[in-house]
Amino acid sequence: MATIDYEQKIPNNVDLKSDKKLQRALEKWQPDYIDWWRDMGPTDFNENEVFLRTAVSVDRDGWAQFEYVRMPEYRWGIFLQPDDSERTIPFGDHMGEPAWQQVPGEYRNMLRRIIVTQGDTEPASVEQQRLLGLTAPSLYDLRNLFQVNVEEGRHLWAMVYLLHGFFGRDGREEADELLERRSGNPDHPRILGTFNEPCRDWLSFFCFTTYTDRDGKFQLLALAESGFDPLARTCRFMLTEEAHHMFVGQTGIGRVIERTCQLMNEHPDRDVKELGGIPLDIVQRYINFWSSSSNDLFGGEISSNAANFFGTGLKGRANEAKLNLDHKALEEIYSMEVWEDGRLSSRDVPLRNAMNEVLRDEYVNDNEKGIIYFNKIVERHNIDFRFSLPHRRFNRRIGMYSEGLFDLQGNPIDQATWERDKNALLPSREDREHVASLMKPCHEQGKIAGWIAPPQKGIDGKPFEYEYVKL
């Protein structure tokens, strides 16, 4: 079993104590991290005991334990999957060569950029969600929020370890900068746009963890194939924790839909808003916003950076080593619709230049499964409504499609049509005000807010009524 050393000031399974210089550097960074957490982490709850899971092993089975922990005392640390000394680079120009244990000098800046961008998303999401605990619909949900937050904090530690351990002074400066940027700060924002969006209500949180964390899943899957082995190994373990975040999101949206359907059937002649529920069309508009914003996180459809990341062996496709494909991707093409001169046309693009779109394909397919899950709920209640996933061209801010306007099916529309229809496509001010009006805390043990259904089961075999957070 690949156990984690919790006797150290910084828990780890990388034998940190054998590298005193690195250990001192990280122990110097640690108090700054705790200060950031207290300033920008979940507000008002740092002294409460929370029923959290903590990684105790990097093995798949029995890797975590559950116990009450105060969040500032959570044992954040550095956990990599075990080293495979025979691992080779599975794709790109260096395919078949031994995986790198140190940073290749010629790819240093490129690799640092990848790690910093990934690392920046982790504290950003904590900052976006810091006030949500004040309006949690139940102790179960409050605990899940905090579990997501502490694991995002640990994912930051994963990237900071790589920066400190492999990039010298530049890495240390980048690690400090990760604690200085702030989500939504106009003067010093987070790197990626979605991580500067406000996340003020729980429907936004559930959509964020469904769609934005799913982007994180596919970015981690691509980086888990990296020829830089320490990055690949840490991303594989991060994926173990990331799965819970998407579970929180998808089941959370599902529970909102469940409760709305219940209210519609109980009071067929009443407006769901009057009953304290969230209408299904508002849920759809929130899905439209967060899924389209998260589509931007994959980058442009045709990208020389994506080609370079793949060619150099730094970032592959999701599950690259398992694909029955040409892992060098030198001769293949990718057919896509491009937006040029105000119209759509077909173009064949060298596959390496389309790697962002290849990864987005996997993401969209995964999102479609979630839509099927939501529609099964409304079908079970015999409600005449069906959810849909907006086309990847809809509401884009990054890539070629950001130059045009498109409806939910991806058809081009003009400015007048967009202005006429946008409040039916994206959350309006009235939508957000209604959702905000429902965000009243329900912190009583065993109780839940009226706009969301309880979960089918609790956490770690405990019932929903368990005291998941001691208030």
Protein backbone atom coordinates (compact mmCIF):
# COMPACT_ATOMS: atom_id res chain seq x y z
CA MET A 1 0.00 0.00 0.00
CA ALA A 2 1.33 3.45 -0.96
CA THR A 3 0.71 5.11 2.40
CA ILE A 4 1.03 8.78 3.17
CA ASP A 5 3.35 10.07 5.89
CA TYR A 6 1.21 12.12 8.28
CA GLU A 7 4.04 12.50 10.80
CA GLN A 8 5.50 15.30 8.71
CA LYS A 9 4.48 18.94 8.91
CA ILE A 10 3.42 18.59 5.27
CA PRO A 11 1.86 15.16 4.70
CA ASN A 12 3.34 13.50 1.62
CA ASN A 13 4.30 10.28 -0.09
CA VAL A 14 7.25 11.76 -2.01
CA ASP A 15 9.83 11.37 0.78
CA LEU A 16 9.93 15.12 1.27
CA LYS A 17 12.14 14.86 4.35
CA SER A 18 15.02 13.61 2.19
CA ASP A 19 15.12 16.95 0.31
CA LYS A 20 15.69 19.50 3.07
CA LYS A 21 15.88 22.49 0.74
CA LEU A 22 12.53 21.70 -0.85
CA GLN A 23 11.02 20.88 2.53
CA ARG A 24 12.09 24.25 3.95
CA ALA A 25 10.72 26.10 0.91
CA LEU A 26 7.32 24.42 1.16
CA GLU A 27 7.17 24.88 4.94
CA LYS A 28 7.83 28.58 4.35
CA TRP A 29 4.95 28.70 1.84
CA GLN A 30 2.58 26.81 4.13
CA PRO A 31 1.74 29.69 6.57
CA ASP A 32 0.97 31.96 3.61
CA TYR A 33 -1.42 29.31 2.33
CA ILE A 34 -3.17 29.09 5.71
CA ASP A 35 -3.45 32.90 5.79
CA TRP A 36 -5.00 32.80 2.31
CA TRP A 37 -7.42 30.09 3.43
CA ARG A 38 -8.55 32.10 6.45
CA ASP A 39 -8.95 35.24 4.34
CA MET A 40 -10.48 33.74 1.19
CA GLY A 41 -11.72 30.27 2.12
CA PRO A 42 -15.21 29.39 3.46
CA THR A 43 -16.22 32.31 5.59
CA ASP A 44 -17.52 31.96 9.18
CA PHE A 45 -16.94 28.20 9.47
CA ASN A 46 -13.24 27.77 10.19
CA GLU A 47 -13.82 26.84 13.83
CA ASN A 48 -16.52 24.25 13.14
CA GLU A 49 -15.85 20.53 12.97
CA VAL A 50 -16.76 19.05 9.58
CA PHE A 51 -17.15 15.38 8.68
CA LEU A 52 -14.46 15.31 5.96
CA ARG A 53 -12.65 12.60 4.08
CA THR A 54 -8.87 12.71 4.13
CA ALA A 55 -6.59 10.76 1.81
CA VAL A 56 -4.53 8.14 3.65
CA SER A 57 -3.29 6.19 0.63
CA VAL A 58 -3.01 6.58 -3.12
CA ASP A 59 -4.37 3.08 -3.72
CA ARG A 60 -7.79 2.90 -5.34
CA ASP A 61 -9.35 0.90 -2.51
CA GLY A 62 -9.47 2.26 1.01
CA TRP A 63 -7.68 5.45 0.02
CA ALA A 64 -9.56 7.78 2.38
CA GLN A 65 -10.86 7.97 5.91
CA PHE A 66 -13.74 10.08 7.29
CA GLU A 67 -13.52 12.06 10.51
CA TYR A 68 -14.40 15.42 12.04
CA VAL A 69 -11.83 18.08 11.15
CA ARG A 70 -11.66 21.86 11.46
CA MET A 71 -10.88 23.07 7.97
CA PRO A 72 -7.76 25.13 8.77
CA GLU A 73 -6.40 21.97 10.45
CA TYR A 74 -7.09 19.78 7.41
CA ARG A 75 -3.92 17.91 6.46
CA TRP A 76 -3.29 19.25 2.98
CA GLY A 77 -0.35 17.53 1.40
CA ILE A 78 1.49 16.17 -1.63
CA PHE A 79 0.29 12.84 -2.99
CA LEU A 80 1.51 11.21 -6.20
CA GLN A 81 0.63 7.82 -7.55
CA PRO A 82 3.54 5.36 -7.29
CA ASP A 83 6.42 5.74 -9.72
CA ASP A 84 6.60 3.33 -12.65
CA SER A 85 10.30 3.16 -13.49
CA GLU A 86 9.54 1.58 -16.88
CA ARG A 87 6.97 4.15 -18.00
CA THR A 88 7.56 5.67 -21.43
CA ILE A 89 6.10 8.76 -23.08
CA PRO A 90 2.88 7.55 -24.76
CA PHE A 91 2.48 10.15 -27.54
CA GLY A 92 4.05 12.92 -29.58
CA ASP A 93 7.52 13.31 -31.02
CA HIS A 94 9.15 11.65 -28.00
CA MET A 95 6.83 8.64 -27.99
CA GLY A 96 8.54 5.55 -26.60
CA GLU A 97 11.29 7.44 -24.81
CA PRO A 98 11.58 7.08 -21.00
CA ALA A 99 9.25 9.44 -19.19
CA TRP A 100 11.01 12.54 -17.84
CA GLN A 101 11.70 12.69 -14.12
CA GLN A 102 13.12 16.20 -14.47
CA VAL A 103 11.92 19.14 -16.58
CA PRO A 104 13.38 19.08 -20.10
CA GLY A 105 15.20 22.39 -20.49
CA GLU A 106 13.78 23.13 -23.94
CA TYR A 107 10.20 22.77 -22.63
CA ARG A 108 10.66 24.49 -19.29
CA ASN A 109 8.60 27.63 -19.99
CA MET A 110 5.85 25.72 -21.73
CA LEU A 111 5.52 23.21 -18.90
CA ARG A 112 5.56 25.91 -16.24
CA ARG A 113 2.75 27.68 -18.05
CA ILE A 114 0.65 24.51 -18.05
CA ILE A 115 1.21 23.92 -14.32
CA VAL A 116 0.55 27.53 -13.32
CA THR A 117 -2.69 27.67 -15.33
CA GLN A 118 -3.93 24.44 -13.78
CA GLY A 119 -2.83 25.55 -10.32
CA ASP A 120 -4.59 28.91 -10.64
CA THR A 121 -8.00 27.28 -11.07
CA GLU A 122 -7.85 25.55 -7.69
CA PRO A 123 -7.81 28.53 -5.28
CA ALA A 124 -10.05 30.44 -7.70
CA SER A 125 -12.96 28.06 -7.18
CA VAL A 126 -12.57 28.26 -3.40
CA GLU A 127 -12.74 32.05 -3.63
CA GLN A 128 -15.81 31.90 -5.86
CA GLN A 129 -17.63 29.70 -3.35
CA ARG A 130 -16.50 31.25 -0.07
CA LEU A 131 -19.89 32.73 0.93
CA LEU A 132 -22.10 29.79 -0.01
CA GLY A 133 -21.92 28.17 3.40
CA LEU A 134 -24.05 31.02 4.76
CA THR A 135 -27.02 29.87 2.65
CA ALA A 136 -26.53 26.08 2.57
CA PRO A 137 -29.83 24.17 2.12
CA SER A 138 -28.80 21.41 4.56
CA LEU A 139 -25.89 20.19 6.68
CA TYR A 140 -25.32 17.48 4.07
CA ASP A 141 -24.83 20.12 1.38
CA LEU A 142 -22.76 22.31 3.66
CA ARG A 143 -20.38 19.42 4.27
CA ASN A 144 -20.15 18.64 0.55
CA LEU A 145 -19.28 22.26 -0.20
CA PHE A 146 -16.47 22.14 2.35
CA GLN A 147 -15.22 18.79 1.04
CA VAL A 148 -14.96 20.27 -2.44
CA ASN A 149 -13.18 23.33 -1.04
CA VAL A 150 -10.52 21.47 0.95
CA GLU A 151 -9.79 19.18 -2.00
CA GLU A 152 -9.40 22.14 -4.34
CA GLY A 153 -6.93 23.44 -1.77
CA ARG A 154 -5.05 20.14 -1.91
CA HIS A 155 -4.96 20.32 -5.70
CA LEU A 156 -3.29 23.70 -5.35
CA TRP A 157 -0.68 22.01 -3.14
CA ALA A 158 -0.11 19.44 -5.89
CA MET A 159 0.82 22.13 -8.42
CA VAL A 160 2.83 24.16 -5.89
CA TYR A 161 4.94 21.08 -5.13
CA LEU A 162 5.81 20.81 -8.82
CA LEU A 163 6.64 24.52 -9.05
CA HIS A 164 8.86 24.45 -5.94
CA GLY A 165 10.41 21.09 -6.69
CA PHE A 166 11.29 21.51 -10.36
CA PHE A 167 11.37 25.21 -11.32
CA GLY A 168 13.67 26.88 -8.79
CA ARG A 169 13.23 30.57 -8.06
CA ASP A 170 10.78 31.05 -10.94
CA GLY A 171 8.61 28.30 -9.50
CA ARG A 172 8.67 29.79 -6.01
CA GLU A 173 7.61 33.16 -7.39
CA GLU A 174 4.79 31.56 -9.36
CA ALA A 175 3.64 29.70 -6.24
CA ASP A 176 3.49 32.99 -4.32
CA GLU A 177 1.53 34.57 -7.15
CA LEU A 178 -1.09 31.82 -6.94
CA LEU A 179 -2.00 33.17 -3.50
CA GLU A 180 -2.07 36.80 -4.66
CA ARG A 181 -4.50 36.69 -7.59
CA ARG A 182 -8.18 36.89 -6.67
CA SER A 183 -11.27 35.60 -8.44
CA GLY A 184 -13.19 38.49 -9.97
CA ASN A 185 -10.64 41.14 -8.97
CA PRO A 186 -10.48 43.56 -11.93
CA ASP A 187 -6.88 44.51 -11.16
CA HIS A 188 -5.50 41.04 -10.38
CA PRO A 189 -7.95 38.41 -11.67
CA ARG A 190 -7.57 34.67 -12.04
CA ILE A 191 -6.09 33.55 -15.36
CA LEU A 192 -9.16 31.90 -16.94
CA GLY A 193 -12.43 33.79 -17.39
CA THR A 194 -14.82 31.19 -15.94
CA PHE A 195 -12.93 31.36 -12.64
CA ASN A 196 -13.76 35.03 -12.32
CA GLU A 197 -17.52 34.51 -12.66
CA PRO A 198 -19.59 35.10 -9.51
CA CYS A 199 -20.92 31.95 -7.85
CA ARG A 200 -23.39 33.47 -5.40
CA ASP A 201 -26.14 30.85 -5.19
CA TRP A 202 -26.35 27.09 -4.85
CA LEU A 203 -27.76 26.47 -8.31
CA SER A 204 -24.63 28.16 -9.67
CA PHE A 205 -22.50 26.00 -7.39
CA PHE A 206 -24.14 22.81 -8.61
CA CYS A 207 -23.69 23.92 -12.23
CA PHE A 208 -20.09 24.90 -11.56
CA THR A 209 -19.25 21.51 -10.07
CA THR A 210 -21.10 19.76 -12.90
CA TYR A 211 -19.61 21.64 -15.84
CA THR A 212 -16.49 23.49 -14.72
CA ASP A 213 -15.19 20.61 -12.63
CA ARG A 214 -15.90 18.30 -15.55
CA ASP A 215 -13.60 20.48 -17.64
CA GLY A 216 -11.10 19.91 -14.84
CA LYS A 217 -11.59 16.18 -15.21
CA PHE A 218 -10.64 16.22 -18.87
CA GLN A 219 -7.74 18.61 -18.41
CA LEU A 220 -6.40 16.28 -15.72
CA LEU A 221 -6.94 13.23 -17.95
CA ALA A 222 -4.87 14.94 -20.65
CA LEU A 223 -2.13 15.95 -18.21
CA ALA A 224 -2.12 12.47 -16.64
CA GLU A 225 -0.62 11.29 -19.94
CA SER A 226 2.21 13.84 -19.78
CA GLY A 227 5.77 12.80 -20.53
CA PHE A 228 6.77 14.77 -17.41
CA ASP A 229 6.15 11.94 -15.00
CA PRO A 230 5.68 13.87 -11.71
CA LEU A 231 2.88 15.87 -13.35
CA ALA A 232 1.25 12.73 -14.75
CA ARG A 233 1.40 10.96 -11.39
CA THR A 234 -0.08 13.83 -9.39
CA CYS A 235 -2.91 14.35 -11.89
CA ARG A 236 -3.89 10.69 -11.70
CA PHE A 237 -4.43 11.02 -7.98
CA MET A 238 -6.24 14.35 -8.36
CA LEU A 239 -8.75 12.60 -10.62
CA THR A 240 -9.69 10.35 -7.70
CA GLU A 241 -10.80 13.40 -5.73
CA GLU A 242 -12.29 15.26 -8.69
CA ALA A 243 -14.96 12.59 -9.23
CA HIS A 244 -16.70 13.59 -5.99
CA HIS A 245 -16.98 17.22 -7.12
CA MET A 246 -18.89 16.24 -10.27
CA PHE A 247 -21.10 13.92 -8.20
CA VAL A 248 -22.00 16.84 -5.93
CA GLY A 249 -22.89 18.96 -8.95
CA GLN A 250 -24.87 16.51 -11.04
CA THR A 251 -26.86 15.07 -8.15
CA GLY A 252 -27.37 18.60 -6.82
CA ILE A 253 -28.98 19.77 -10.08
CA GLY A 254 -30.94 16.53 -10.13
CA ARG A 255 -32.29 17.18 -6.62
CA VAL A 256 -33.36 20.70 -7.63
CA ILE A 257 -35.21 19.22 -10.63
CA GLU A 258 -36.73 16.51 -8.42
CA ARG A 259 -38.15 19.04 -5.98
CA THR A 260 -39.52 21.28 -8.74
CA CYS A 261 -41.27 18.30 -10.34
CA GLN A 262 -42.77 17.36 -6.98
CA LEU A 263 -44.15 20.88 -6.54
CA MET A 264 -45.54 20.93 -10.10
CA ASN A 265 -47.42 17.68 -9.55
CA GLU A 266 -48.66 18.63 -6.09
CA HIS A 267 -49.93 22.03 -7.28
CA PRO A 268 -50.57 21.78 -11.06
CA ASP A 269 -52.39 25.14 -11.18
CA ARG A 270 -49.77 27.12 -9.26
CA ASP A 271 -46.63 28.95 -10.31
CA VAL A 272 -43.59 27.07 -8.97
CA LYS A 273 -42.01 30.38 -8.03
CA GLU A 274 -44.90 31.09 -5.66
CA LEU A 275 -44.30 27.69 -4.07
CA GLY A 276 -40.66 28.41 -3.35
CA GLY A 277 -39.25 26.25 -6.14
CA ILE A 278 -36.95 26.91 -9.10
CA PRO A 279 -38.77 26.57 -12.45
CA LEU A 280 -37.27 24.07 -14.87
CA ASP A 281 -36.66 26.70 -17.53
CA ILE A 282 -34.51 28.68 -15.08
CA VAL A 283 -32.49 25.53 -14.35
CA GLN A 284 -32.05 25.14 -18.13
CA ARG A 285 -30.77 28.70 -18.48
CA TYR A 286 -28.26 28.16 -15.69
CA ILE A 287 -27.09 25.01 -17.49
CA ASN A 288 -26.78 27.06 -20.69
CA PHE A 289 -24.60 29.64 -18.97
CA TRP A 290 -22.22 27.41 -17.04
CA SER A 291 -21.77 24.77 -19.73
CA SER A 292 -21.01 27.40 -22.39
CA SER A 293 -18.63 29.28 -20.10
CA SER A 294 -16.86 26.01 -19.30
CA ASN A 295 -16.54 25.22 -23.01
CA ASP A 296 -14.22 28.21 -23.23
CA LEU A 297 -11.78 26.56 -20.83
CA PHE A 298 -10.55 24.21 -23.55
CA GLY A 299 -9.20 27.12 -25.58
CA GLY A 300 -9.41 27.89 -29.28
CA GLU A 301 -10.60 25.32 -31.79
CA ILE A 302 -7.45 25.65 -33.92
CA SER A 303 -4.43 26.08 -31.70
CA SER A 304 -0.69 26.07 -32.27
CA ASN A 305 -0.25 25.82 -28.49
CA ALA A 306 -2.30 22.62 -28.41
CA ALA A 307 -0.18 21.25 -31.26
CA ASN A 308 3.02 22.11 -29.38
CA PHE A 309 1.78 20.61 -26.12
CA PHE A 310 0.96 17.36 -27.91
CA GLY A 311 4.05 17.25 -30.10
CA THR A 312 6.41 17.82 -27.19
CA GLY A 313 4.72 15.12 -25.10
CA LEU A 314 3.54 17.50 -22.38
CA LYS A 315 -0.25 17.11 -22.76
CA GLY A 316 -2.03 14.30 -24.56
CA ARG A 317 -5.59 13.28 -25.26
CA ALA A 318 -7.79 11.88 -22.50
CA ASN A 319 -6.70 8.29 -21.82
CA GLU A 320 -4.12 8.60 -24.60
CA ALA A 321 -2.22 5.42 -23.75
CA LYS A 322 -5.41 3.35 -24.06
CA LEU A 323 -6.50 4.74 -27.43
CA ASN A 324 -6.19 2.53 -30.49
CA LEU A 325 -4.97 5.45 -32.58
CA ASP A 326 -1.82 6.92 -34.09
CA HIS A 327 -0.20 8.43 -31.00
CA LYS A 328 2.00 10.75 -33.04
CA ALA A 329 -0.92 12.29 -34.96
CA LEU A 330 1.34 13.55 -37.73
CA GLU A 331 -0.67 12.59 -40.81
CA GLU A 332 -4.26 12.73 -39.58
CA ILE A 333 -6.73 15.55 -40.03
CA TYR A 334 -9.76 16.75 -38.06
CA SER A 335 -12.82 18.03 -39.93
CA MET A 336 -14.58 20.94 -38.24
CA GLU A 337 -16.93 23.77 -39.02
CA VAL A 338 -15.14 27.10 -38.88
CA TRP A 339 -16.53 30.60 -38.56
CA GLU A 340 -15.04 32.91 -41.17
CA ASP A 341 -16.33 36.09 -42.79
CA GLY A 342 -19.61 35.81 -40.96
CA ARG A 343 -20.52 32.30 -42.04
CA LEU A 344 -19.86 28.64 -41.25
CA SER A 345 -17.84 26.46 -43.58
CA SER A 346 -16.09 23.10 -43.36
CA ARG A 347 -12.34 22.77 -43.06
CA ASP A 348 -9.87 19.95 -42.55
CA VAL A 349 -7.32 20.86 -39.86
CA PRO A 350 -4.11 19.00 -38.96
CA LEU A 351 -5.08 16.84 -35.99
CA ARG A 352 -2.41 18.23 -33.69
CA ASN A 353 -3.80 21.74 -34.16
CA ALA A 354 -7.27 20.47 -33.24
CA MET A 355 -6.35 18.79 -29.95
CA ASN A 356 -8.37 21.30 -27.93
CA GLU A 357 -11.41 20.35 -29.97
CA VAL A 358 -10.68 16.64 -29.59
CA LEU A 359 -10.71 17.06 -25.80
CA ARG A 360 -13.86 19.23 -26.01
CA ASP A 361 -15.56 16.42 -27.97
CA GLU A 362 -15.05 14.09 -25.00
CA TYR A 363 -16.31 16.77 -22.63
CA VAL A 364 -19.48 17.42 -24.63
CA ASN A 365 -20.23 13.69 -24.83
CA ASP A 366 -19.83 13.40 -21.07
CA ASN A 367 -22.15 16.37 -20.53
CA GLU A 368 -24.81 14.75 -22.71
CA LYS A 369 -24.93 11.84 -20.25
CA GLY A 370 -25.83 14.32 -17.51
CA ILE A 371 -28.68 15.71 -19.60
CA ILE A 372 -30.04 12.18 -20.00
CA TYR A 373 -29.90 11.82 -16.21
CA PHE A 374 -31.88 15.06 -15.72
CA ASN A 375 -34.49 14.07 -18.29
CA LYS A 376 -35.08 10.74 -16.61
CA ILE A 377 -36.16 12.66 -13.51
CA VAL A 378 -38.78 14.74 -15.35
CA GLU A 379 -39.93 11.68 -17.29
CA ARG A 380 -40.48 9.80 -14.03
CA HIS A 381 -42.75 12.63 -12.86
CA ASN A 382 -44.61 12.78 -16.22
CA ILE A 383 -43.65 16.42 -16.70
CA ASP A 384 -43.76 17.77 -20.27
CA PHE A 385 -40.28 19.33 -20.27
CA ARG A 386 -36.94 18.12 -21.55
CA PHE A 387 -33.49 19.51 -20.84
CA SER A 388 -30.91 19.94 -23.58
CA LEU A 389 -27.24 20.79 -23.82
CA PRO A 390 -26.50 23.98 -25.76
CA HIS A 391 -24.30 23.66 -28.83
CA ARG A 392 -20.60 24.28 -28.30
CA ARG A 393 -20.85 27.42 -30.45
CA PHE A 394 -23.39 29.04 -28.12
CA ASN A 395 -22.31 32.00 -25.95
CA ARG A 396 -18.59 31.62 -26.47
CA ARG A 397 -15.97 34.15 -25.31
CA ILE A 398 -12.89 32.22 -26.43
CA GLY A 399 -12.10 30.73 -29.86
CA MET A 400 -13.38 31.45 -33.35
CA TYR A 401 -17.05 31.21 -32.35
CA SER A 402 -16.64 34.16 -30.00
CA GLU A 403 -16.62 36.30 -33.16
CA GLY A 404 -20.26 35.42 -33.92
CA LEU A 405 -23.65 34.97 -32.26
CA PHE A 406 -25.38 31.57 -32.21
CA ASP A 407 -28.60 30.09 -30.89
CA LEU A 408 -28.80 27.01 -28.68
CA GLN A 409 -28.60 24.73 -31.72
CA GLY A 410 -25.45 26.46 -32.97
CA ASN A 411 -27.14 28.32 -35.82
CA PRO A 412 -25.85 31.82 -36.58
CA ILE A 413 -28.15 34.66 -35.51
CA ASP A 414 -27.91 38.43 -35.78
CA GLN A 415 -27.51 40.95 -32.99
CA ALA A 416 -31.19 41.91 -32.99
CA THR A 417 -32.27 38.29 -32.54
CA TRP A 418 -29.75 37.79 -29.74
CA GLU A 419 -30.96 40.88 -27.89
CA ARG A 420 -34.58 39.77 -28.32
CA ASP A 421 -33.99 36.21 -27.10
CA LYS A 422 -31.08 36.38 -24.64
CA ASN A 423 -33.28 36.41 -21.53
CA ALA A 424 -34.82 33.14 -22.70
CA LEU A 425 -31.37 31.65 -23.33
CA LEU A 426 -29.33 32.78 -20.32
CA PRO A 427 -30.27 33.62 -16.72
CA SER A 428 -31.95 37.02 -16.60
CA ARG A 429 -31.71 39.43 -13.71
CA GLU A 430 -35.20 38.31 -12.68
CA ASP A 431 -34.07 34.65 -12.75
CA ARG A 432 -31.06 35.37 -10.56
CA GLU A 433 -33.13 37.47 -8.15
CA HIS A 434 -35.65 34.65 -7.75
CA VAL A 435 -32.94 32.06 -7.09
CA ALA A 436 -31.23 34.45 -4.67
CA SER A 437 -34.52 34.97 -2.81
CA LEU A 438 -34.59 31.23 -2.00
CA MET A 439 -31.06 31.14 -0.62
CA LYS A 440 -31.94 31.02 3.06
CA PRO A 441 -29.80 28.82 5.32
CA CYS A 442 -31.23 25.55 6.58
CA HIS A 443 -28.61 24.45 9.11
CA GLU A 444 -30.90 22.45 11.39
CA GLN A 445 -29.86 18.81 11.64
CA GLY A 446 -32.06 16.57 9.48
CA LYS A 447 -33.85 19.48 7.78
CA ILE A 448 -33.60 20.74 4.19
CA ALA A 449 -34.64 23.86 2.26
CA GLY A 450 -37.88 23.70 0.31
CA TRP A 451 -36.35 24.28 -3.13
CA ILE A 452 -34.27 21.08 -3.23
CA ALA A 453 -34.98 17.40 -2.54
CA PRO A 454 -32.89 15.43 -0.03
CA PRO A 455 -30.26 13.02 -1.39
CA GLN A 456 -31.03 9.34 -1.83
CA LYS A 457 -28.33 8.45 0.69
CA GLY A 458 -25.86 10.11 3.02
CA ILE A 459 -22.07 10.06 3.24
CA ASP A 460 -19.89 7.11 4.24
CA GLY A 461 -22.91 5.01 5.19
CA LYS A 462 -24.37 7.74 7.41
CA PRO A 463 -28.01 8.86 7.02
CA PHE A 464 -29.01 12.24 5.60
CA GLU A 465 -29.95 13.31 9.15
CA TYR A 466 -26.37 12.87 10.42
CA GLU A 467 -24.62 15.88 11.97
CA TYR A 468 -22.22 16.45 9.06
CA VAL A 469 -21.16 19.84 10.37
CA LYS A 470 -21.09 20.67 14.07
CA LEU A 471 -22.45 24.19 14.36
